Amino acid sequence: MSKIKTMFLGVESSFVHSLRYTYASSKLLVFYKSGDAYEYSDVEPNVIKKIRRSNSIGSALHKYIFKNCNFKKV
């Protein structure tokens, strides 16, 4: 059985288009509806689970990612 290396999530959000998480590097790439994309570092897999289970992707990103992770525009 092979392990999942990268997870791509299309989401229902007013400002996020999709998410891509890479397990090996613990990086989350967020694609915004504006066309911008940002990469967030040191995102643990359990945080991705919390985001996926959230009722609001935007709220979850604010709570778990924006205030806690380093980022760069890509």
N, C-alpha and C. Protein backbone atom coordinates (compact mmCIF):
# COMPACT_ATOMS: atom_id res chain seq x y z
N MET A 1 0.85 -1.18 0.00
CA MET A 1 0.00 0.00 0.00
C MET A 1 0.89 1.24 0.00
N SER A 2 0.57 2.20 -0.84
CA SER A 2 1.36 3.43 -0.90
C SER A 2 0.76 4.51 -0.01
N LYS A 3 1.62 5.40 0.42
CA LYS A 3 1.19 6.51 1.25
C LYS A 3 0.83 7.70 0.38
N ILE A 4 -0.10 8.51 0.86
CA ILE A 4 -0.43 9.74 0.17
C ILE A 4 0.70 10.74 0.40
N LYS A 5 1.21 11.32 -0.68
CA LYS A 5 2.32 12.27 -0.56
C LYS A 5 1.83 13.71 -0.61
N THR A 6 0.82 13.95 -1.43
CA THR A 6 0.27 15.29 -1.59
C THR A 6 -1.24 15.19 -1.62
N MET A 7 -1.90 16.13 -0.94
CA MET A 7 -3.36 16.17 -0.93
C MET A 7 -3.80 17.47 -1.57
N PHE A 8 -4.68 17.37 -2.56
CA PHE A 8 -5.24 18.55 -3.22
C PHE A 8 -6.71 18.62 -2.86
N LEU A 9 -7.14 19.78 -2.34
CA LEU A 9 -8.53 19.93 -1.91
C LEU A 9 -9.19 21.12 -2.61
N GLY A 10 -10.22 20.85 -3.36
CA GLY A 10 -11.08 21.92 -3.85
C GLY A 10 -12.01 22.27 -2.70
N VAL A 11 -12.24 23.52 -2.45
CA VAL A 11 -13.03 23.91 -1.27
C VAL A 11 -14.16 24.85 -1.64
N GLU A 12 -15.15 24.90 -0.78
CA GLU A 12 -16.23 25.88 -0.92
C GLU A 12 -15.91 27.04 0.02
N SER A 13 -15.51 28.15 -0.56
CA SER A 13 -15.10 29.31 0.22
C SER A 13 -15.29 30.55 -0.63
N SER A 14 -15.56 31.66 0.03
CA SER A 14 -15.73 32.91 -0.72
C SER A 14 -14.39 33.51 -1.16
N PHE A 15 -13.28 33.11 -0.53
CA PHE A 15 -12.00 33.69 -0.95
C PHE A 15 -10.90 32.68 -1.23
N VAL A 16 -11.09 31.40 -0.93
CA VAL A 16 -10.09 30.38 -1.21
C VAL A 16 -10.60 29.49 -2.34
N HIS A 17 -9.75 29.29 -3.34
CA HIS A 17 -10.10 28.41 -4.45
C HIS A 17 -9.79 26.95 -4.12
N SER A 18 -8.56 26.70 -3.64
CA SER A 18 -8.15 25.33 -3.34
C SER A 18 -6.93 25.31 -2.44
N LEU A 19 -6.64 24.12 -1.92
CA LEU A 19 -5.50 23.90 -1.03
C LEU A 19 -4.69 22.72 -1.55
N ARG A 20 -3.39 22.78 -1.37
CA ARG A 20 -2.52 21.63 -1.67
C ARG A 20 -1.58 21.44 -0.49
N TYR A 21 -1.59 20.25 0.09
CA TYR A 21 -0.73 19.97 1.23
C TYR A 21 0.25 18.87 0.85
N THR A 22 1.52 19.10 1.15
CA THR A 22 2.57 18.13 0.89
C THR A 22 3.09 17.60 2.22
N TYR A 23 2.88 16.31 2.45
CA TYR A 23 3.24 15.69 3.73
C TYR A 23 4.74 15.71 4.00
N ALA A 24 5.57 15.41 3.00
CA ALA A 24 7.01 15.32 3.22
C ALA A 24 7.61 16.64 3.70
N SER A 25 7.09 17.76 3.20
CA SER A 25 7.66 19.06 3.56
C SER A 25 6.81 19.81 4.58
N SER A 26 5.64 19.28 4.91
CA SER A 26 4.69 19.95 5.83
C SER A 26 4.34 21.35 5.36
N LYS A 27 4.16 21.49 4.04
CA LYS A 27 3.82 22.80 3.47
C LYS A 27 2.41 22.78 2.90
N LEU A 28 1.72 23.88 3.14
CA LEU A 28 0.37 24.07 2.63
C LEU A 28 0.40 25.20 1.62
N LEU A 29 -0.08 24.93 0.42
CA LEU A 29 -0.17 25.94 -0.61
C LEU A 29 -1.64 26.31 -0.74
N VAL A 30 -1.93 27.58 -0.56
CA VAL A 30 -3.30 28.08 -0.62
C VAL A 30 -3.45 28.92 -1.89
N PHE A 31 -4.39 28.51 -2.74
CA PHE A 31 -4.71 29.23 -3.96
C PHE A 31 -5.97 30.06 -3.69
N TYR A 32 -5.85 31.36 -3.83
CA TYR A 32 -6.96 32.27 -3.56
C TYR A 32 -7.73 32.58 -4.84
N LYS A 33 -8.98 32.94 -4.71
CA LYS A 33 -9.81 33.26 -5.86
C LYS A 33 -9.32 34.51 -6.57
N SER A 34 -8.54 35.33 -5.89
CA SER A 34 -7.96 36.53 -6.50
C SER A 34 -6.87 36.19 -7.51
N GLY A 35 -6.40 34.94 -7.47
CA GLY A 35 -5.30 34.52 -8.34
C GLY A 35 -3.99 34.41 -7.61
N ASP A 36 -3.90 34.95 -6.40
CA ASP A 36 -2.68 34.85 -5.60
C ASP A 36 -2.56 33.44 -5.01
N ALA A 37 -1.32 33.07 -4.69
CA ALA A 37 -1.06 31.80 -4.02
C ALA A 37 0.02 32.03 -2.97
N TYR A 38 -0.16 31.44 -1.81
CA TYR A 38 0.80 31.55 -0.71
C TYR A 38 1.14 30.17 -0.20
N GLU A 39 2.41 30.00 0.17
CA GLU A 39 2.88 28.75 0.75
C GLU A 39 3.14 28.96 2.24
N TYR A 40 2.56 28.11 3.05
CA TYR A 40 2.70 28.18 4.51
C TYR A 40 3.54 27.00 4.97
N SER A 41 4.54 27.28 5.81
CA SER A 41 5.48 26.26 6.26
C SER A 41 5.12 25.70 7.63
N ASP A 42 5.65 24.51 7.90
CA ASP A 42 5.53 23.85 9.20
C ASP A 42 4.07 23.62 9.60
N VAL A 43 3.27 23.15 8.66
CA VAL A 43 1.87 22.84 8.92
C VAL A 43 1.77 21.34 9.20
N GLU A 44 1.38 21.01 10.40
CA GLU A 44 1.29 19.61 10.81
C GLU A 44 0.07 18.93 10.18
N PRO A 45 0.16 17.63 9.92
CA PRO A 45 -0.97 16.90 9.33
C PRO A 45 -2.26 17.00 10.16
N ASN A 46 -2.14 17.07 11.48
CA ASN A 46 -3.36 17.18 12.31
C ASN A 46 -4.07 18.51 12.09
N VAL A 47 -3.33 19.54 11.71
CA VAL A 47 -3.94 20.84 11.40
C VAL A 47 -4.74 20.74 10.11
N ILE A 48 -4.22 20.01 9.14
CA ILE A 48 -4.95 19.81 7.89
C ILE A 48 -6.26 19.08 8.15
N LYS A 49 -6.24 18.11 9.03
CA LYS A 49 -7.47 17.41 9.40
C LYS A 49 -8.49 18.37 10.01
N LYS A 50 -8.02 19.27 10.86
CA LYS A 50 -8.92 20.25 11.49
C LYS A 50 -9.51 21.19 10.44
N ILE A 51 -8.71 21.60 9.48
CA ILE A 51 -9.20 22.48 8.42
C ILE A 51 -10.25 21.75 7.58
N ARG A 52 -9.98 20.50 7.23
CA ARG A 52 -10.92 19.72 6.41
C ARG A 52 -12.26 19.52 7.12
N ARG A 53 -12.24 19.39 8.43
CA ARG A 53 -13.46 19.15 9.20
C ARG A 53 -14.21 20.44 9.55
N SER A 54 -13.61 21.56 9.28
CA SER A 54 -14.18 22.85 9.65
C SER A 54 -15.41 23.19 8.80
N ASN A 55 -16.34 23.92 9.39
CA ASN A 55 -17.49 24.43 8.64
C ASN A 55 -17.13 25.61 7.76
N SER A 56 -16.03 26.29 8.11
CA SER A 56 -15.58 27.46 7.34
C SER A 56 -14.08 27.36 7.11
N ILE A 57 -13.70 27.23 5.84
CA ILE A 57 -12.27 27.15 5.50
C ILE A 57 -11.56 28.43 5.92
N GLY A 58 -12.16 29.58 5.64
CA GLY A 58 -11.54 30.86 5.99
C GLY A 58 -11.29 30.99 7.48
N SER A 59 -12.27 30.64 8.28
CA SER A 59 -12.12 30.71 9.74
C SER A 59 -11.03 29.77 10.23
N ALA A 60 -11.00 28.57 9.64
CA ALA A 60 -9.98 27.59 10.04
C ALA A 60 -8.59 28.06 9.66
N LEU A 61 -8.45 28.64 8.49
CA LEU A 61 -7.14 29.16 8.09
C LEU A 61 -6.69 30.28 9.02
N HIS A 62 -7.59 31.17 9.40
CA HIS A 62 -7.25 32.23 10.34
C HIS A 62 -6.84 31.65 11.69
N LYS A 63 -7.55 30.66 12.15
CA LYS A 63 -7.29 30.10 13.48
C LYS A 63 -6.00 29.28 13.53
N TYR A 64 -5.76 28.46 12.52
CA TYR A 64 -4.66 27.50 12.58
C TYR A 64 -3.43 27.86 11.75
N ILE A 65 -3.59 28.67 10.72
CA ILE A 65 -2.49 28.89 9.78
C ILE A 65 -1.94 30.31 9.82
N PHE A 66 -2.78 31.30 9.57
CA PHE A 66 -2.30 32.66 9.37
C PHE A 66 -1.51 33.21 10.56
N LYS A 67 -1.90 32.89 11.76
CA LYS A 67 -1.23 33.43 12.95
C LYS A 67 -0.08 32.56 13.43
N ASN A 68 0.06 31.35 12.86
CA ASN A 68 1.01 30.39 13.41
C ASN A 68 2.10 29.93 12.46
N CYS A 69 1.99 30.23 11.19
CA CYS A 69 2.94 29.68 10.21
C CYS A 69 3.63 30.76 9.41
N ASN A 70 4.89 30.49 9.08
CA ASN A 70 5.61 31.38 8.17
C ASN A 70 5.04 31.18 6.77
N PHE A 71 5.13 32.22 5.95
CA PHE A 71 4.56 32.13 4.61
C PHE A 71 5.38 32.91 3.61
N LYS A 72 5.14 32.59 2.34
CA LYS A 72 5.72 33.37 1.25
C LYS A 72 4.75 33.32 0.08
N LYS A 73 4.71 34.41 -0.68
CA LYS A 73 3.89 34.46 -1.88
C LYS A 73 4.61 33.70 -2.98
N VAL A 74 3.85 32.90 -3.71
CA VAL A 74 4.47 32.13 -4.79
C VAL A 74 3.85 32.48 -6.13
